[in-house]
Amino acid sequence: EPTVRTELMEQIPPIAIFLQESRPNFPTAFFEYLMPIVVRYLTDVNNQVRKAGQEALLILLEQDLVAQSDIENKVCPILLDLSAPDSDDEYKVEAVNIICKMASMLSRTTVEHMLLPRFCELCSDGKLFQVRKICAANFGDICNAVGQEATERLLIPKFFELCSDSVWGMRKACAECFMAVSYTTSPEVRRSKLSPLFISLISDTCRWVRQAAFQSLGPFISTFANPSSAGLYIREDGTLSIRPSPQDVNSSPCQPSSNVTLVSSSANA
């Protein structure tokens, strides 16, 4: 029964945490018994079971309970199979979603060598606009996961494609994550490539795209500032914030603090 498998999946994370805390007594139980179940349920025929498996996997990754070798040898190959060009549409959409969510929890080497090539392919998926939409919405997170060199070499050309996509929702998603993408690039790329690209979004024929671009205008401009002098930085949750100056730190409690969140770069802001 799918409901039984779903319930089972929901119990995997707490069991894994218990095993981790009691590791001297159960040194290999998680890797021998639980991890194979999680991997198997990622391809279950029932979508509720798959969803429960995906959620369990993300929790395990957040808690740092999955070994790097298991991620590279067991999890990534399954996700690459599910997101292959000839894969079932529903499986592909789910796989690209989990790939994007996983990226921030894995090592840069793993993301760059195992997941980035497939992500770049999915950005150009001509069959499913839902796949491209997920890629566009999570583009800033992927850039942050792989760093400046891979972003400028591999991701920026794909970002240009998505910014000129025929579906306006794609262009809107790009406008919403523009600051996060810009923050990962060098000042020269920011000036010579991203600035003209942003102008095209702010002049888009669709008013929803233009509105999203105008909302990202200030955050995008802030990426041109020198963080050491301007005090601007991006937190781990993707929000642009002001680092308090020494004067503010030593000021009276009655004085207003400058450590305030200005704007969120996420697509859900």
Foldseek 3Di string as FASTA:
>chain_A
DLVVLLVVLLCLQVVLVVCVVVCVVPVCCCVVPVLVSLLVQCPDPDPSSNVSSLVSVLSCLVVVSDDPCCCQPGVLVSLCVQCDLPHDPVSNLVSLLSLLSCLLSHALVCCVPRPVVSLLVQCPPPPDVSSVLSSLQSVLVSLVSNAAPCCVPRVVVSLLCQCPDPDVSSVQSNLLQVLSSLLRYDLVCLPPPVVVSLVCQCVDPDVSSVVSNVVCVVSSVCSNDDCVVQQWDADPQQFIFGHFDPCQVPDDPVDDTRGDTDDHSGPVD
